[in-house]
Every structure is written in C-alpha cells, then in structure tokens.
C-alpha cells in the first residue's frame, strides 16, 4: 500500500470495520449512524475492495488480442 491509495486489503479491512461498527451502533440504538455505516461497508467499501482485487496496480491483465 502506498500513501496515496488504499490497496485491496486496506479497503477490505475498512469495509469490515464499518460493518462491525454499524452493528455495534445498531445495538446501541444509534439509528442514524448504524445504517450509514452498514451501507458504506456493504455497498461501497467491500465492493470497491473486490473491484481493486481484480484491477491491481501493475497487473495489466491479459494482453489484448490482435483483433481488438
């Protein structure tokens, strides 16, 4: 991980932390904070981390074929 961006692991851990804090906030009846954290974790951070897993820096993926 460099200083400018989170890599896969950083985003995934942030997503899991947001989900865990969201459930804690739900238990504490913080009914505005809890859904915000849960949505941020499940719908933003974890999918973003999974997207980054498939599109890592320097990965480049397969080379395009001559027909493309």
Protein backbone atom coordinates (compact mmCIF):
# COMPACT_ATOMS: atom_id res chain seq x y z
CA UNK A 1 0.00 0.00 0.00
CA UNK A 2 1.33 3.39 -0.87
CA UNK A 3 0.44 6.64 0.84
CA UNK A 4 -1.93 7.89 -1.88
CA UNK A 5 -4.31 4.93 -2.20
CA UNK A 6 -5.67 2.06 -0.23
CA UNK A 7 -4.99 -1.31 -1.72
CA UNK A 8 -7.34 -4.26 -1.61
CA UNK A 9 -6.50 -5.21 1.95
CA UNK A 10 -6.89 -1.70 3.34
CA UNK A 11 -10.27 -1.19 1.71
CA UNK A 12 -11.49 -4.62 2.73
CA UNK A 13 -10.48 -4.08 6.36
CA UNK A 14 -12.11 -0.64 6.32
CA UNK A 15 -15.29 -2.24 4.98
CA UNK A 16 -15.30 -4.92 7.65
CA UNK A 17 -14.65 -2.28 10.32
CA UNK A 18 -17.54 -0.17 9.02
CA UNK A 19 -19.85 -3.19 9.13
CA UNK A 20 -18.75 -4.14 12.65
CA UNK A 21 -19.17 -0.56 13.87
CA UNK A 22 -22.55 -0.41 12.14
CA UNK A 23 -23.78 -3.45 14.05
CA UNK A 24 -22.38 -2.01 17.27
CA UNK A 25 -24.20 1.27 16.58
CA UNK A 26 -27.37 -0.70 15.85
CA UNK A 27 -27.02 -2.47 19.20
CA UNK A 28 -26.59 0.91 20.89
CA UNK A 29 -29.72 2.17 19.07
CA UNK A 30 -27.88 4.84 17.08
CA UNK A 31 -30.50 4.69 14.35
CA UNK A 32 -28.90 7.24 12.03
CA UNK A 33 -25.28 6.16 12.32
CA UNK A 34 -25.91 2.41 12.08
CA UNK A 35 -27.50 2.29 8.60
CA UNK A 36 -24.95 4.76 7.27
CA UNK A 37 -22.05 2.57 8.41
CA UNK A 38 -23.70 -0.63 7.21
CA UNK A 39 -24.44 0.78 3.75
CA UNK A 40 -20.95 2.24 3.50
CA UNK A 41 -19.42 -1.10 4.41
CA UNK A 42 -21.61 -3.47 2.42
CA UNK A 43 -22.39 -1.30 -0.63
CA UNK A 44 -19.30 0.88 -1.06
CA UNK A 45 -16.11 -0.27 0.66
CA UNK A 46 -16.28 -4.05 0.28
CA UNK A 47 -17.36 -3.97 -3.41
CA UNK A 48 -14.69 -1.33 -4.10
CA UNK A 49 -12.09 -3.59 -2.46
CA UNK A 50 -13.22 -6.56 -4.56
CA UNK A 51 -13.04 -4.43 -7.68
CA UNK A 52 -9.50 -3.40 -6.75
CA UNK A 53 -8.57 -7.06 -6.26
CA UNK A 54 -9.27 -7.73 -9.91
CA UNK A 55 -7.69 -4.49 -11.13
CA UNK A 56 -4.50 -4.17 -9.10
CA UNK A 57 -1.80 -1.69 -9.98
CA UNK A 58 0.72 -3.09 -12.41
CA UNK A 59 -1.48 -6.10 -13.04
CA UNK A 60 -2.32 -5.07 -16.57
CA UNK A 61 -4.42 -8.17 -17.10
CA UNK A 62 -4.25 -10.20 -20.27
CA UNK A 63 -2.76 -8.60 -23.34
CA UNK A 64 -5.36 -7.55 -25.95
CA UNK A 65 -5.57 -9.79 -28.96
CA UNK A 66 -4.72 -8.53 -32.45
CA UNK A 67 -8.42 -8.34 -33.40
CA UNK A 68 -9.32 -5.79 -30.74
